[in-house]
PDB file of N, CA and C in Angstrom:
ATOM      1  N   MET A   1     126.013 166.695  99.655  1.00  0.00           N
ATOM      2  CA  MET A   1     124.907 166.687  98.747  1.00  0.00           C
ATOM      3  C   MET A   1     123.610 166.376  99.498  1.00  0.00           C
ATOM      4  N   ARG A   2     123.645 165.540 100.490  1.00  0.00           N
ATOM      5  CA  ARG A   2     122.443 165.171 101.234  1.00  0.00           C
ATOM      6  C   ARG A   2     121.838 166.377 101.957  1.00  0.00           C
ATOM      7  N   VAL A   3     122.686 167.256 102.481  1.00  0.00           N
ATOM      8  CA  VAL A   3     122.180 168.460 103.157  1.00  0.00           C
ATOM      9  C   VAL A   3     121.446 169.327 102.145  1.00  0.00           C
ATOM     10  N   PHE A   4     122.033 169.446 100.952  1.00  0.00           N
ATOM     11  CA  PHE A   4     121.387 170.231  99.905  1.00  0.00           C
ATOM     12  C   PHE A   4     120.019 169.648  99.568  1.00  0.00           C
ATOM     13  N   GLU A   5     119.931 168.316  99.466  1.00  0.00           N
ATOM     14  CA  GLU A   5     118.656 167.671  99.173  1.00  0.00           C
ATOM     15  C   GLU A   5     117.642 167.932 100.284  1.00  0.00           C
ATOM     16  N   LEU A   6     118.117 167.957 101.523  1.00  0.00           N
ATOM     17  CA  LEU A   6     117.243 168.166 102.662  1.00  0.00           C
ATOM     18  C   LEU A   6     116.576 169.543 102.606  1.00  0.00           C
ATOM     19  N   PHE A   7     117.347 170.554 102.222  1.00  0.00           N
ATOM     20  CA  PHE A   7     116.835 171.921 102.224  1.00  0.00           C
ATOM     21  C   PHE A   7     116.478 172.444 100.836  1.00  0.00           C
ATOM     22  N   SER A   8     116.539 171.609  99.813  1.00  0.00           N
ATOM     23  CA  SER A   8     116.300 172.077  98.450  1.00  0.00           C
ATOM     24  C   SER A   8     114.905 172.669  98.266  1.00  0.00           C
ATOM     25  N   GLY A   9     113.922 172.180  98.978  1.00  0.00           N
ATOM     26  CA  GLY A   9     112.576 172.716  98.873  1.00  0.00           C
ATOM     27  C   GLY A   9     112.475 174.159  99.347  1.00  0.00           C
ATOM     28  N   PHE A  10     113.270 174.509 100.353  1.00  0.00           N
ATOM     29  CA  PHE A  10     113.268 175.871 100.879  1.00  0.00           C
ATOM     30  C   PHE A  10     114.161 176.800 100.072  1.00  0.00           C
ATOM     31  N   LEU A  11     115.223 176.263  99.525  1.00  0.00           N
ATOM     32  CA  LEU A  11     116.201 177.095  98.831  1.00  0.00           C
ATOM     33  C   LEU A  11     115.655 177.747  97.566  1.00  0.00           C
ATOM     34  N   LYS A  12     114.624 177.165  96.981  1.00  0.00           N
ATOM     35  CA  LYS A  12     114.091 177.746  95.746  1.00  0.00           C
ATOM     36  C   LYS A  12     113.519 179.143  95.973  1.00  0.00           C
ATOM     37  N   TYR A  13     113.236 179.495  97.223  1.00  0.00           N
ATOM     38  CA  TYR A  13     112.693 180.813  97.528  1.00  0.00           C
ATOM     39  C   TYR A  13     113.777 181.870  97.742  1.00  0.00           C
ATOM     40  N   PHE A  14     115.055 181.448  97.775  1.00  0.00           N
ATOM     41  CA  PHE A  14     116.148 182.367  98.021  1.00  0.00           C
ATOM     42  C   PHE A  14     116.978 182.553  96.753  1.00  0.00           C
ATOM     43  N   PRO A  15     117.451 183.785  96.525  1.00  0.00           N
ATOM     44  CA  PRO A  15     118.319 183.999  95.365  1.00  0.00           C
ATOM     45  C   PRO A  15     119.723 183.461  95.659  1.00  0.00           C
ATOM     46  N   GLY A  16     120.478 183.246  94.608  1.00  0.00           N
ATOM     47  CA  GLY A  16     121.860 182.830  94.812  1.00  0.00           C
ATOM     48  C   GLY A  16     122.320 181.771  93.832  1.00  0.00           C
ATOM     49  N   GLY A  17     123.613 181.455  93.965  1.00  0.00           N
ATOM     50  CA  GLY A  17     124.261 180.521  93.070  1.00  0.00           C
ATOM     51  C   GLY A  17     123.829 179.080  93.238  1.00  0.00           C
ATOM     52  N   HIS A  18     123.118 178.774  94.327  1.00  0.00           N
ATOM     53  CA  HIS A  18     122.686 177.398  94.547  1.00  0.00           C
ATOM     54  C   HIS A  18     121.747 176.910  93.452  1.00  0.00           C
ATOM     55  N   LYS A  19     121.042 177.837  92.792  1.00  0.00           N
ATOM     56  CA  LYS A  19     120.144 177.423  91.716  1.00  0.00           C
ATOM     57  C   LYS A  19     120.939 176.855  90.546  1.00  0.00           C
ATOM     58  N   GLN A  20     122.061 177.488  90.222  1.00  0.00           N
ATOM     59  CA  GLN A  20     122.909 176.983  89.141  1.00  0.00           C
ATOM     60  C   GLN A  20     123.560 175.669  89.546  1.00  0.00           C
ATOM     61  N   ILE A  21     123.988 175.578  90.793  1.00  0.00           N
ATOM     62  CA  ILE A  21     124.584 174.325  91.286  1.00  0.00           C
ATOM     63  C   ILE A  21     123.559 173.201  91.201  1.00  0.00           C
ATOM     64  N   SER A  22     122.344 173.477  91.613  1.00  0.00           N
ATOM     65  CA  SER A  22     121.284 172.475  91.560  1.00  0.00           C
ATOM     66  C   SER A  22     121.014 172.047  90.123  1.00  0.00           C
ATOM     67  N   LYS A  23     120.985 173.007  89.217  1.00  0.00           N
ATOM     68  CA  LYS A  23     120.750 172.705  87.801  1.00  0.00           C
ATOM     69  C   LYS A  23     121.887 171.856  87.244  1.00  0.00           C
ATOM     70  N   ASN A  24     123.130 172.226  87.560  1.00  0.00           N
ATOM     71  CA  ASN A  24     124.285 171.462  87.080  1.00  0.00           C
ATOM     72  C   ASN A  24     124.290 170.046  87.644  1.00  0.00           C
ATOM     73  N   LEU A  25     124.001 169.921  88.917  1.00  0.00           N
ATOM     74  CA  LEU A  25     123.954 168.606  89.548  1.00  0.00           C
ATOM     75  C   LEU A  25     122.882 167.738  88.903  1.00  0.00           C
ATOM     76  N   GLN A  26     121.726 168.319  88.620  1.00  0.00           N
ATOM     77  CA  GLN A  26     120.657 167.554  87.987  1.00  0.00           C
ATOM     78  C   GLN A  26     121.060 167.091  86.587  1.00  0.00           C
ATOM     79  N   GLU A  27     121.794 167.927  85.851  1.00  0.00           N
ATOM     80  CA  GLU A  27     122.271 167.523  84.525  1.00  0.00           C
ATOM     81  C   GLU A  27     123.236 166.350  84.625  1.00  0.00           C
ATOM     82  N   ILE A  28     124.109 166.378  85.617  1.00  0.00           N
ATOM     83  CA  ILE A  28     125.051 165.267  85.817  1.00  0.00           C
ATOM     84  C   ILE A  28     124.295 163.996  86.190  1.00  0.00           C
ATOM     85  N   LEU A  29     123.337 164.112  87.107  1.00  0.00           N
ATOM     86  CA  LEU A  29     122.536 162.950  87.507  1.00  0.00           C
ATOM     87  C   LEU A  29     121.746 162.388  86.331  1.00  0.00           C
ATOM     88  N   ASP A  30     121.206 163.275  85.485  1.00  0.00           N
ATOM     89  CA  ASP A  30     120.476 162.816  84.296  1.00  0.00           C
ATOM     90  C   ASP A  30     121.413 162.081  83.339  1.00  0.00           C
ATOM     91  N   TYR A  31     122.628 162.586  83.183  1.00  0.00           N
ATOM     92  CA  TYR A  31     123.604 161.935  82.314  1.00  0.00           C
ATOM     93  C   TYR A  31     123.950 160.538  82.844  1.00  0.00           C
ATOM     94  N   ILE A  32     124.183 160.448  84.132  1.00  0.00           N
ATOM     95  CA  ILE A  32     124.499 159.142  84.737  1.00  0.00           C
ATOM     96  C   ILE A  32     123.314 158.191  84.566  1.00  0.00           C
ATOM     97  N   ASP A  33     122.103 158.678  84.808  1.00  0.00           N
ATOM     98  CA  ASP A  33     120.912 157.849  84.650  1.00  0.00           C
ATOM     99  C   ASP A  33     120.791 157.347  83.208  1.00  0.00           C
ATOM    100  N   HIS A  34     121.066 158.220  82.245  1.00  0.00           N
ATOM    101  CA  HIS A  34     121.039 157.837  80.833  1.00  0.00           C
ATOM    102  C   HIS A  34     122.090 156.763  80.553  1.00  0.00           C
ATOM    103  N   SER A  35     123.278 156.926  81.115  1.00  0.00           N
ATOM    104  CA  SER A  35     124.340 155.930  80.933  1.00  0.00           C
ATOM    105  C   SER A  35     123.945 154.584  81.526  1.00  0.00           C
ATOM    106  N   VAL A  36     123.319 154.613  82.694  1.00  0.00           N
ATOM    107  CA  VAL A  36     122.875 153.370  83.331  1.00  0.00           C
ATOM    108  C   VAL A  36     121.831 152.678  82.452  1.00  0.00           C
ATOM    109  N   LYS A  37     120.909 153.447  81.891  1.00  0.00           N
ATOM    110  CA  LYS A  37     119.892 152.864  81.015  1.00  0.00           C
ATOM    111  C   LYS A  37     120.527 152.239  79.771  1.00  0.00           C
ATOM    112  N   LYS A  38     121.534 152.906  79.204  1.00  0.00           N
ATOM    113  CA  LYS A  38     122.238 152.342  78.049  1.00  0.00           C
ATOM    114  C   LYS A  38     122.949 151.043  78.433  1.00  0.00           C
ATOM    115  N   HIS A  39     123.582 151.048  79.593  1.00  0.00           N
ATOM    116  CA  HIS A  39     124.244 149.837  80.062  1.00  0.00           C
ATOM    117  C   HIS A  39     123.241 148.700  80.248  1.00  0.00           C
ATOM    118  N   ARG A  40     122.095 149.033  80.825  1.00  0.00           N
ATOM    119  CA  ARG A  40     121.076 148.008  81.075  1.00  0.00           C
ATOM    120  C   ARG A  40     120.577 147.412  79.752  1.00  0.00           C
ATOM    121  N   ALA A  41     120.414 148.261  78.742  1.00  0.00           N
ATOM    122  CA  ALA A  41     119.909 147.795  77.453  1.00  0.00           C
ATOM    123  C   ALA A  41     120.918 146.905  76.724  1.00  0.00           C
ATOM    124  N   THR A  42     122.194 147.098  76.974  1.00  0.00           N
ATOM    125  CA  THR A  42     123.232 146.339  76.270  1.00  0.00           C
ATOM    126  C   THR A  42     123.981 145.377  77.186  1.00  0.00           C
ATOM    127  N   LEU A  43     123.422 145.102  78.336  1.00  0.00           N
ATOM    128  CA  LEU A  43     124.087 144.269  79.342  1.00  0.00           C
ATOM    129  C   LEU A  43     124.215 142.817  78.876  1.00  0.00           C
ATOM    130  N   ASP A  44     125.422 142.305  78.979  1.00  0.00           N
ATOM    131  CA  ASP A  44     125.689 140.884  78.729  1.00  0.00           C
ATOM    132  C   ASP A  44     126.138 140.288  80.064  1.00  0.00           C
ATOM    133  N   PRO A  45     125.295 139.481  80.703  1.00  0.00           N
ATOM    134  CA  PRO A  45     125.640 138.940  82.023  1.00  0.00           C
ATOM    135  C   PRO A  45     126.936 138.119  82.035  1.00  0.00           C
ATOM    136  N   ASN A  46     127.308 137.578  80.894  1.00  0.00           N
ATOM    137  CA  ASN A  46     128.531 136.779  80.817  1.00  0.00           C
ATOM    138  C   ASN A  46     129.778 137.617  80.561  1.00  0.00           C
ATOM    139  N   ASN A  47     129.579 138.907  80.298  1.00  0.00           N
ATOM    140  CA  ASN A  47     130.722 139.758  79.972  1.00  0.00           C
ATOM    141  C   ASN A  47     130.516 141.182  80.513  1.00  0.00           C
ATOM    142  N   PRO A  48     130.553 141.356  81.846  1.00  0.00           N
ATOM    143  CA  PRO A  48     130.388 142.715  82.391  1.00  0.00           C
ATOM    144  C   PRO A  48     131.568 143.597  81.972  1.00  0.00           C
ATOM    145  N   ARG A  49     131.245 144.804  81.528  1.00  0.00           N
ATOM    146  CA  ARG A  49     132.255 145.711  80.986  1.00  0.00           C
ATOM    147  C   ARG A  49     132.888 146.613  82.030  1.00  0.00           C
ATOM    148  N   ASP A  50     132.140 146.954  83.060  1.00  0.00           N
ATOM    149  CA  ASP A  50     132.645 147.954  83.997  1.00  0.00           C
ATOM    150  C   ASP A  50     131.846 147.906  85.300  1.00  0.00           C
ATOM    151  N   PHE A  51     132.046 148.927  86.114  1.00  0.00           N
ATOM    152  CA  PHE A  51     131.375 149.008  87.413  1.00  0.00           C
ATOM    153  C   PHE A  51     129.858 148.984  87.272  1.00  0.00           C
ATOM    154  N   ILE A  52     129.335 149.740  86.320  1.00  0.00           N
ATOM    155  CA  ILE A  52     127.882 149.823  86.162  1.00  0.00           C
ATOM    156  C   ILE A  52     127.294 148.457  85.812  1.00  0.00           C
ATOM    157  N   ASP A  53     127.932 147.753  84.883  1.00  0.00           N
ATOM    158  CA  ASP A  53     127.442 146.415  84.532  1.00  0.00           C
ATOM    159  C   ASP A  53     127.460 145.486  85.742  1.00  0.00           C
ATOM    160  N   THR A  54     128.547 145.505  86.480  1.00  0.00           N
ATOM    161  CA  THR A  54     128.667 144.643  87.655  1.00  0.00           C
ATOM    162  C   THR A  54     127.612 144.979  88.689  1.00  0.00           C
ATOM    163  N   TYR A  55     127.369 146.261  88.894  1.00  0.00           N
ATOM    164  CA  TYR A  55     126.346 146.694  89.853  1.00  0.00           C
ATOM    165  C   TYR A  55     124.956 146.259  89.395  1.00  0.00           C
ATOM    166  N   LEU A  56     124.687 146.402  88.097  1.00  0.00           N
ATOM    167  CA  LEU A  56     123.388 145.990  87.567  1.00  0.00           C
ATOM    168  C   LEU A  56     123.170 144.487  87.746  1.00  0.00           C
ATOM    169  N   LEU A  57     124.218 143.716  87.541  1.00  0.00           N
ATOM    170  CA  LEU A  57     124.110 142.270  87.752  1.00  0.00           C
ATOM    171  C   LEU A  57     123.813 141.950  89.217  1.00  0.00           C
ATOM    172  N   ARG A  58     124.456 142.686  90.109  1.00  0.00           N
ATOM    173  CA  ARG A  58     124.203 142.474  91.539  1.00  0.00           C
ATOM    174  C   ARG A  58     122.784 142.906  91.917  1.00  0.00           C
ATOM    175  N   MET A  59     122.314 143.993  91.309  1.00  0.00           N
ATOM    176  CA  MET A  59     120.932 144.426  91.550  1.00  0.00           C
ATOM    177  C   MET A  59     119.956 143.322  91.163  1.00  0.00           C
ATOM    178  N   GLU A  60     120.196 142.702  90.029  1.00  0.00           N
ATOM    179  CA  GLU A  60     119.326 141.616  89.568  1.00  0.00           C
ATOM    180  C   GLU A  60     119.366 140.440  90.536  1.00  0.00           C
ATOM    181  N   LYS A  61     120.554 140.135  91.005  1.00  0.00           N
ATOM    182  CA  LYS A  61     120.728 139.016  91.938  1.00  0.00           C
ATOM    183  C   LYS A  61     120.026 139.280  93.273  1.00  0.00           C
ATOM    184  N   GLU A  62     120.014 140.541  93.695  1.00  0.00           N
ATOM    185  CA  GLU A  62     119.478 140.915  95.015  1.00  0.00           C
ATOM    186  C   GLU A  62     118.036 141.420  94.968  1.00  0.00           C
ATOM    187  N   LYS A  63     117.386 141.372  93.807  1.00  0.00           N
ATOM    188  CA  LYS A  63     116.063 142.005  93.693  1.00  0.00           C
ATOM    189  C   LYS A  63     115.004 141.418  94.624  1.00  0.00           C
ATOM    190  N   SER A  64     115.173 140.177  95.042  1.00  0.00           N
ATOM    191  CA  SER A  64     114.186 139.583  95.956  1.00  0.00           C
ATOM    192  C   SER A  64     114.498 139.869  97.427  1.00  0.00           C
ATOM    193  N   ASN A  65     115.612 140.524  97.685  1.00  0.00           N
ATOM    194  CA  ASN A  65     116.016 140.855  99.051  1.00  0.00           C
ATOM    195  C   ASN A  65     115.503 142.252  99.410  1.00  0.00           C
ATOM    196  N   PRO A  66     114.543 142.381 100.310  1.00  0.00           N
ATOM    197  CA  PRO A  66     114.018 143.711 100.655  1.00  0.00           C
ATOM    198  C   PRO A  66     115.026 144.585 101.407  1.00  0.00           C
ATOM    199  N   GLN A  67     116.070 143.983 101.955  1.00  0.00           N
ATOM    200  CA  GLN A  67     117.084 144.739 102.703  1.00  0.00           C
ATOM    201  C   GLN A  67     118.265 145.163 101.845  1.00  0.00           C
ATOM    202  N   THR A  68     118.229 144.894 100.560  1.00  0.00           N
ATOM    203  CA  THR A  68     119.382 145.157  99.710  1.00  0.00           C
ATOM    204  C   THR A  68     119.695 146.654  99.599  1.00  0.00           C
ATOM    205  N   GLU A  69     120.959 146.918  99.448  1.00  0.00           N
ATOM    206  CA  GLU A  69     121.418 148.292  99.195  1.00  0.00           C
ATOM    207  C   GLU A  69     121.698 148.489  97.708  1.00  0.00           C
ATOM    208  N   PHE A  70     121.499 147.443  96.935  1.00  0.00           N
ATOM    209  CA  PHE A  70     121.771 147.496  95.501  1.00  0.00           C
ATOM    210  C   PHE A  70     120.501 147.885  94.751  1.00  0.00           C
ATOM    211  N   HIS A  71     120.316 149.195  94.588  1.00  0.00           N
ATOM    212  CA  HIS A  71     119.188 149.697  93.823  1.00  0.00           C
ATOM    213  C   HIS A  71     119.633 150.895  92.990  1.00  0.00           C
ATOM    214  N   GLN A  72     118.758 151.329  92.116  1.00  0.00           N
ATOM    215  CA  GLN A  72     119.072 152.354  91.111  1.00  0.00           C
ATOM    216  C   GLN A  72     119.651 153.628  91.728  1.00  0.00           C
ATOM    217  N   GLN A  73     119.027 154.135  92.779  1.00  0.00           N
ATOM    218  CA  GLN A  73     119.487 155.389  93.382  1.00  0.00           C
ATOM    219  C   GLN A  73     120.906 155.258  93.930  1.00  0.00           C
ATOM    220  N   ASN A  74     121.208 154.147  94.586  1.00  0.00           N
ATOM    221  CA  ASN A  74     122.568 153.955  95.104  1.00  0.00           C
ATOM    222  C   ASN A  74     123.581 153.803  93.978  1.00  0.00           C
ATOM    223  N   LEU A  75     123.164 153.191  92.879  1.00  0.00           N
ATOM    224  CA  LEU A  75     124.056 153.072  91.729  1.00  0.00           C
ATOM    225  C   LEU A  75     124.415 154.457  91.189  1.00  0.00           C
ATOM    226  N   ILE A  76     123.418 155.295  91.024  1.00  0.00           N
ATOM    227  CA  ILE A  76     123.662 156.644  90.491  1.00  0.00           C
ATOM    228  C   ILE A  76     124.557 157.435  91.442  1.00  0.00           C
ATOM    229  N   ILE A  77     124.302 157.380  92.727  1.00  0.00           N
ATOM    230  CA  ILE A  77     125.108 158.107  93.705  1.00  0.00           C
ATOM    231  C   ILE A  77     126.533 157.547  93.751  1.00  0.00           C
ATOM    232  N   SER A  78     126.680 156.239  93.622  1.00  0.00           N
ATOM    233  CA  SER A  78     128.019 155.633  93.616  1.00  0.00           C
ATOM    234  C   SER A  78     128.822 156.094  92.407  1.00  0.00           C
ATOM    235  N   VAL A  79     128.190 156.110  91.243  1.00  0.00           N
ATOM    236  CA  VAL A  79     128.884 156.574  90.036  1.00  0.00           C
ATOM    237  C   VAL A  79     129.250 158.051  90.184  1.00  0.00           C
ATOM    238  N   LEU A  80     128.344 158.840  90.725  1.00  0.00           N
ATOM    239  CA  LEU A  80     128.625 160.260  90.959  1.00  0.00           C
ATOM    240  C   LEU A  80     129.814 160.424  91.904  1.00  0.00           C
ATOM    241  N   SER A  81     129.837 159.654  92.974  1.00  0.00           N
ATOM    242  CA  SER A  81     130.940 159.724  93.938  1.00  0.00           C
ATOM    243  C   SER A  81     132.259 159.322  93.301  1.00  0.00           C
ATOM    244  N   LEU A  82     132.244 158.273  92.494  1.00  0.00           N
ATOM    245  CA  LEU A  82     133.465 157.845  91.818  1.00  0.00           C
ATOM    246  C   LEU A  82     133.967 158.914  90.851  1.00  0.00           C
ATOM    247  N   PHE A  83     133.039 159.545  90.159  1.00  0.00           N
ATOM    248  CA  PHE A  83     133.423 160.603  89.218  1.00  0.00           C
ATOM    249  C   PHE A  83     134.087 161.769  89.943  1.00  0.00           C
ATOM    250  N   PHE A  84     133.453 162.257  91.003  1.00  0.00           N
ATOM    251  CA  PHE A  84     134.016 163.397  91.724  1.00  0.00           C
ATOM    252  C   PHE A  84     135.284 163.031  92.482  1.00  0.00           C
ATOM    253  N   ALA A  85     135.352 161.818  93.019  1.00  0.00           N
ATOM    254  CA  ALA A  85     136.569 161.393  93.716  1.00  0.00           C
ATOM    255  C   ALA A  85     137.735 161.343  92.742  1.00  0.00           C
ATOM    256  N   GLY A  86     137.494 160.811  91.553  1.00  0.00           N
ATOM    257  CA  GLY A  86     138.551 160.759  90.538  1.00  0.00           C
ATOM    258  C   GLY A  86     138.973 162.140  90.080  1.00  0.00           C
ATOM    259  N   THR A  87     138.021 163.044  89.955  1.00  0.00           N
ATOM    260  CA  THR A  87     138.333 164.412  89.541  1.00  0.00           C
ATOM    261  C   THR A  87     139.199 165.100  90.583  1.00  0.00           C
ATOM    262  N   GLU A  88     138.847 164.963  91.834  1.00  0.00           N
ATOM    263  CA  GLU A  88     139.618 165.601  92.912  1.00  0.00           C
ATOM    264  C   GLU A  88     141.023 165.021  92.994  1.00  0.00           C
ATOM    265  N   THR A  89     141.148 163.712  92.910  1.00  0.00           N
ATOM    266  CA  THR A  89     142.459 163.076  92.993  1.00  0.00           C
ATOM    267  C   THR A  89     143.350 163.530  91.849  1.00  0.00           C
ATOM    268  N   SER A  90     142.808 163.566  90.652  1.00  0.00           N
ATOM    269  CA  SER A  90     143.594 163.978  89.485  1.00  0.00           C
ATOM    270  C   SER A  90     144.047 165.427  89.612  1.00  0.00           C
ATOM    271  N   SER A  91     143.142 166.309  90.000  1.00  0.00           N
ATOM    272  CA  SER A  91     143.513 167.720  90.107  1.00  0.00           C
ATOM    273  C   SER A  91     144.542 167.938  91.213  1.00  0.00           C
ATOM    274  N   THR A  92     144.421 167.214  92.318  1.00  0.00           N
ATOM    275  CA  THR A  92     145.393 167.334  93.406  1.00  0.00           C
ATOM    276  C   THR A  92     146.762 166.845  92.958  1.00  0.00           C
ATOM    277  N   THR A  93     146.807 165.746  92.236  1.00  0.00           N
ATOM    278  CA  THR A  93     148.075 165.207  91.744  1.00  0.00           C
ATOM    279  C   THR A  93     148.723 166.174  90.760  1.00  0.00           C
ATOM    280  N   LEU A  94     147.948 166.726  89.841  1.00  0.00           N
ATOM    281  CA  LEU A  94     148.490 167.695  88.882  1.00  0.00           C
ATOM    282  C   LEU A  94     149.006 168.949  89.599  1.00  0.00           C
ATOM    283  N   ARG A  95     148.244 169.438  90.551  1.00  0.00           N
ATOM    284  CA  ARG A  95     148.665 170.625  91.294  1.00  0.00           C
ATOM    285  C   ARG A  95     149.990 170.373  92.017  1.00  0.00           C
ATOM    286  N   TYR A  96     150.117 169.223  92.645  1.00  0.00           N
ATOM    287  CA  TYR A  96     151.343 168.878  93.351  1.00  0.00           C
ATOM    288  C   TYR A  96     152.523 168.787  92.373  1.00  0.00           C
ATOM    289  N   GLY A  97     152.294 168.186  91.211  1.00  0.00           N
ATOM    290  CA  GLY A  97     153.343 168.101  90.192  1.00  0.00           C
ATOM    291  C   GLY A  97     153.783 169.472  89.717  1.00  0.00           C
ATOM    292  N   PHE A  98     152.835 170.364  89.491  1.00  0.00           N
ATOM    293  CA  PHE A  98     153.178 171.721  89.060  1.00  0.00           C
ATOM    294  C   PHE A  98     153.946 172.470  90.147  1.00  0.00           C
ATOM    295  N   LEU A  99     153.554 172.287  91.391  1.00  0.00           N
ATOM    296  CA  LEU A  99     154.275 172.930  92.492  1.00  0.00           C
ATOM    297  C   LEU A  99     155.710 172.424  92.575  1.00  0.00           C
ATOM    298  N   LEU A 100     155.911 171.131  92.366  1.00  0.00           N
ATOM    299  CA  LEU A 100     157.274 170.582  92.365  1.00  0.00           C
ATOM    300  C   LEU A 100     158.101 171.150  91.219  1.00  0.00           C
ATOM    301  N   MET A 101     157.482 171.312  90.041  1.00  0.00           N
ATOM    302  CA  MET A 101     158.217 171.897  88.910  1.00  0.00           C
ATOM    303  C   MET A 101     158.573 173.351  89.189  1.00  0.00           C
ATOM    304  N   LEU A 102     157.696 174.088  89.870  1.00  0.00           N
ATOM    305  CA  LEU A 102     158.016 175.463  90.231  1.00  0.00           C
ATOM    306  C   LEU A 102     159.149 175.526  91.251  1.00  0.00           C
ATOM    307  N   LYS A 103     159.118 174.617  92.192  1.00  0.00           N
ATOM    308  CA  LYS A 103     160.136 174.606  93.243  1.00  0.00           C
ATOM    309  C   LYS A 103     161.488 174.111  92.712  1.00  0.00           C
ATOM    310  N   TYR A 104     161.478 173.166  91.786  1.00  0.00           N
ATOM    311  CA  TYR A 104     162.702 172.589  91.229  1.00  0.00           C
ATOM    312  C   TYR A 104     162.696 172.729  89.707  1.00  0.00           C
ATOM    313  N   PRO A 105     162.843 173.963  89.201  1.00  0.00           N
ATOM    314  CA  PRO A 105     162.750 174.161  87.750  1.00  0.00           C
ATOM    315  C   PRO A 105     163.862 173.450  86.966  1.00  0.00           C
ATOM    316  N   HIS A 106     164.999 173.204  87.614  1.00  0.00           N
ATOM    317  CA  HIS A 106     166.087 172.518  86.906  1.00  0.00           C
ATOM    318  C   HIS A 106     165.690 171.093  86.528  1.00  0.00           C
ATOM    319  N   VAL A 107     164.814 170.465  87.302  1.00  0.00           N
ATOM    320  CA  VAL A 107     164.356 169.115  86.985  1.00  0.00           C
ATOM    321  C   VAL A 107     163.415 169.148  85.779  1.00  0.00           C
ATOM    322  N   ALA A 108     162.584 170.173  85.712  1.00  0.00           N
ATOM    323  CA  ALA A 108     161.651 170.295  84.594  1.00  0.00           C
ATOM    324  C   ALA A 108     162.388 170.547  83.282  1.00  0.00           C
ATOM    325  N   GLU A 109     163.575 171.146  83.340  1.00  0.00           N
ATOM    326  CA  GLU A 109     164.342 171.447  82.126  1.00  0.00           C
ATOM    327  C   GLU A 109     165.139 170.253  81.625  1.00  0.00           C
ATOM    328  N   THR A 110     165.311 169.238  82.435  1.00  0.00           N
ATOM    329  CA  THR A 110     166.097 168.074  82.052  1.00  0.00           C
ATOM    330  C   THR A 110     165.439 167.352  80.885  1.00  0.00           C
ATOM    331  N   PRO A 111     166.228 167.088  79.785  1.00  0.00           N
ATOM    332  CA  PRO A 111     165.635 166.404  78.627  1.00  0.00           C
ATOM    333  C   PRO A 111     165.337 164.950  78.905  1.00  0.00           C
TER     334      PRO A 111
END
């Protein structure tokens, strides 16, 4: 994704599917940003609900540290990475399961 960001200014002059990819990626980033804002508005420091809440609490704790890596952009990228990592893992596991059922159909028929 970083390479795409590096050349995104030049790519707008070329035709191709990258425009749709860029549009889709921006929609996902906007959705994550919206989710983060909702989490921030309903955040209970005594009862973090998930990764986003925990990250937001750490951002608050580290806000006076100029060297911190806990900021909004890293939160959005981390959530994006977790989403895609989970998607890839799930699809790989399902594919492997289907391949095993094809290879050993007698096991799939067992009640």
